[in-house]
Amino acid sequence: MDPVTDHLQTLLLRDLDAFQAEIAALPDDTALWQRLPGMANAPGNLALHIAGNLQYFVGAILGGSDYLRHREQEFAQDTGTRAEVTQELARARRAVETVLPGLDGEALGRDFPVPIDGIHLSTQVFLLRLSVHLAYHLGQVNVLCRTFTAPRA
């Protein structure tokens, strides 16, 4: 595997594991769907969004899986368990573990098969964007989880 992609895979897997830990640390399943004033999304929605994003772009687009994404549902869902949400994150992890090692330098240099916001990016640059996107939402979930688990005065 290309060294940069190897590092991107390491980061994606690390952050997916951290995402699962944040979800598991919530006090109960109800907290998955709680929103704070000024924050549009709940931890469960952000987790489903990241899981769907990776399963679609890495698993289906790059890996040829039959995953069908329902992006609107990722943000609309307001019920479910921590176990169900972490299963989706685990599926995203498997997509990353399965697909990225098979990408050689030639594949990484080619345009990603789907233009993003009308722009053609190399596959490697798109994978970098996916990693940054995951880290951004992981930070949001960390803030939410700290808020929901903070000791009350």
Protein backbone atom coordinates (compact mmCIF):
# COMPACT_ATOMS: atom_id res chain seq x y z
CA MET A 1 0.00 0.00 0.00
CA ASP A 2 1.13 3.55 -0.70
CA PRO A 3 2.65 5.09 2.48
CA VAL A 4 0.29 8.08 2.46
CA THR A 5 -2.76 5.86 2.05
CA ASP A 6 -1.44 3.53 4.73
CA HIS A 7 -1.29 6.51 7.07
CA LEU A 8 -4.77 7.68 6.01
CA GLN A 9 -6.11 4.21 6.76
CA THR A 10 -4.48 4.33 10.19
CA LEU A 11 -6.11 7.70 10.89
CA LEU A 12 -9.53 6.60 9.63
CA LEU A 13 -9.46 3.44 11.73
CA ARG A 14 -8.21 5.29 14.81
CA ASP A 15 -10.96 7.89 14.51
CA LEU A 16 -13.65 5.29 13.83
CA ASP A 17 -12.57 3.49 17.01
CA ALA A 18 -12.72 6.79 18.90
CA PHE A 19 -16.19 7.45 17.46
CA GLN A 20 -17.36 4.04 18.71
CA ALA A 21 -15.91 4.79 22.16
CA GLU A 22 -17.74 8.13 22.31
CA ILE A 23 -21.05 6.48 21.43
CA ALA A 24 -20.47 3.69 23.96
CA ALA A 25 -19.71 6.28 26.67
CA LEU A 26 -23.13 7.91 26.38
CA PRO A 27 -25.23 7.35 29.51
CA ASP A 28 -28.07 5.66 27.60
CA ASP A 29 -29.61 5.17 24.17
CA THR A 30 -31.79 8.26 24.56
CA ALA A 31 -28.68 10.47 24.64
CA LEU A 32 -27.86 9.28 21.10
CA TRP A 33 -30.66 11.44 19.77
CA GLN A 34 -30.37 14.49 22.03
CA ARG A 35 -29.53 17.81 20.41
CA LEU A 36 -28.07 20.83 22.12
CA PRO A 37 -29.19 24.38 21.34
CA GLY A 38 -27.18 25.68 18.40
CA MET A 39 -26.08 22.20 17.28
CA ALA A 40 -28.16 20.76 14.48
CA ASN A 41 -27.21 17.12 14.95
CA ALA A 42 -27.30 14.53 17.69
CA PRO A 43 -24.43 12.07 18.31
CA GLY A 44 -26.39 9.22 16.71
CA ASN A 45 -27.00 11.22 13.54
CA LEU A 46 -23.35 12.18 13.23
CA ALA A 47 -22.29 8.56 13.75
CA LEU A 48 -24.75 7.31 11.13
CA HIS A 49 -23.59 10.05 8.76
CA ILE A 50 -19.94 9.04 9.11
CA ALA A 51 -20.79 5.35 8.78
CA GLY A 52 -22.90 5.98 5.69
CA ASN A 53 -20.29 8.28 4.19
CA LEU A 54 -17.49 5.72 4.46
CA GLN A 55 -19.60 2.73 3.50
CA TYR A 56 -20.73 4.58 0.40
CA PHE A 57 -17.59 6.34 -0.81
CA VAL A 58 -15.03 3.71 0.25
CA GLY A 59 -17.12 0.53 0.29
CA ALA A 60 -19.45 1.06 -2.67
CA ILE A 61 -17.69 3.57 -4.93
CA LEU A 62 -14.11 2.36 -4.50
CA GLY A 63 -14.76 -1.20 -3.38
CA GLY A 64 -17.80 -2.13 -5.42
CA SER A 65 -19.98 -3.19 -2.50
CA ASP A 66 -23.76 -3.14 -2.84
CA TYR A 67 -24.20 -0.57 -0.06
CA LEU A 68 -27.04 1.86 -0.76
CA ARG A 69 -26.79 5.14 1.08
CA HIS A 70 -29.79 6.97 2.53
CA ARG A 71 -28.14 10.26 3.50
CA GLU A 72 -31.36 12.01 4.50
CA GLN A 73 -32.16 9.18 6.92
CA GLU A 74 -28.75 9.54 8.56
CA PHE A 75 -29.87 12.97 9.79
CA ALA A 76 -33.58 12.23 10.25
CA GLN A 77 -33.32 9.13 12.44
CA ASP A 78 -34.22 9.76 16.07
CA THR A 79 -34.49 6.27 17.54
CA GLY A 80 -32.18 3.30 17.86
CA THR A 81 -29.63 1.86 20.23
CA ARG A 82 -25.97 2.50 20.83
CA ALA A 83 -25.34 -1.09 19.73
CA GLU A 84 -27.06 -0.51 16.38
CA VAL A 85 -25.13 2.69 15.76
CA THR A 86 -21.78 1.13 16.66
CA GLN A 87 -22.59 -1.77 14.29
CA GLU A 88 -22.84 0.77 11.46
CA LEU A 89 -19.50 2.28 12.47
CA ALA A 90 -18.03 -1.24 12.51
CA ARG A 91 -19.31 -1.81 8.97
CA ALA A 92 -17.61 1.42 7.91
CA ARG A 93 -14.42 0.19 9.56
CA ARG A 94 -14.59 -3.06 7.59
CA ALA A 95 -15.01 -1.10 4.35
CA VAL A 96 -11.86 0.90 5.11
CA GLU A 97 -9.91 -2.22 6.15
CA THR A 98 -11.01 -4.11 3.04
CA VAL A 99 -10.74 -1.50 0.30
CA LEU A 100 -7.82 0.77 1.12
CA PRO A 101 -5.09 -1.92 1.14
CA GLY A 102 -6.06 -2.82 -2.44
CA LEU A 103 -5.43 0.67 -3.79
CA ASP A 104 -2.09 1.01 -5.54
CA GLY A 105 -0.33 4.21 -6.54
CA GLU A 106 -1.99 4.22 -9.95
CA ALA A 107 -5.49 3.93 -8.47
CA LEU A 108 -4.72 6.66 -5.94
CA GLY A 109 -3.60 9.06 -8.64
CA ARG A 110 -6.72 8.59 -10.75
CA ASP A 111 -9.71 10.86 -10.36
CA PHE A 112 -12.14 9.68 -7.73
CA PRO A 113 -15.01 8.11 -9.72
CA VAL A 114 -17.55 10.67 -8.49
CA PRO A 115 -16.97 14.43 -8.72
CA ILE A 116 -17.35 16.13 -5.35
CA ASP A 117 -19.12 19.48 -5.45
CA GLY A 118 -18.51 19.45 -9.20
CA ILE A 119 -14.76 19.05 -8.73
CA HIS A 120 -12.67 16.09 -9.84
CA LEU A 121 -10.20 15.12 -7.13
CA SER A 122 -7.61 12.38 -7.13
CA THR A 123 -8.67 9.36 -5.11
CA GLN A 124 -5.88 10.02 -2.62
CA VAL A 125 -6.95 13.65 -2.10
CA PHE A 126 -10.55 12.51 -1.69
CA LEU A 127 -9.47 9.99 0.97
CA LEU A 128 -7.74 12.86 2.77
CA ARG A 129 -11.01 14.80 2.69
CA LEU A 130 -12.84 11.78 4.15
CA SER A 131 -10.34 11.64 7.00
CA VAL A 132 -10.71 15.34 7.78
CA HIS A 133 -14.50 15.04 7.58
CA LEU A 134 -14.46 12.15 10.05
CA ALA A 135 -12.21 14.05 12.46
CA TYR A 136 -14.47 17.13 12.28
CA HIS A 137 -17.57 15.15 13.24
CA LEU A 138 -15.64 13.19 15.88
CA GLY A 139 -14.85 16.52 17.55
CA GLN A 140 -18.52 17.48 17.49
CA VAL A 141 -19.53 14.16 19.04
CA ASN A 142 -16.84 14.51 21.68
CA VAL A 143 -18.31 17.87 22.77
CA LEU A 144 -21.83 16.43 22.83
CA CYS A 145 -20.78 13.36 24.79
CA ARG A 146 -18.86 15.43 27.34
CA THR A 147 -21.93 17.60 27.79
CA PHE A 148 -24.25 14.64 28.26
CA THR A 149 -21.94 12.85 30.70
CA ALA A 150 -20.70 15.86 32.72
CA PRO A 151 -21.41 15.68 36.44
CA ARG A 152 -24.33 17.88 37.44
CA ALA A 153 -23.74 20.48 40.13
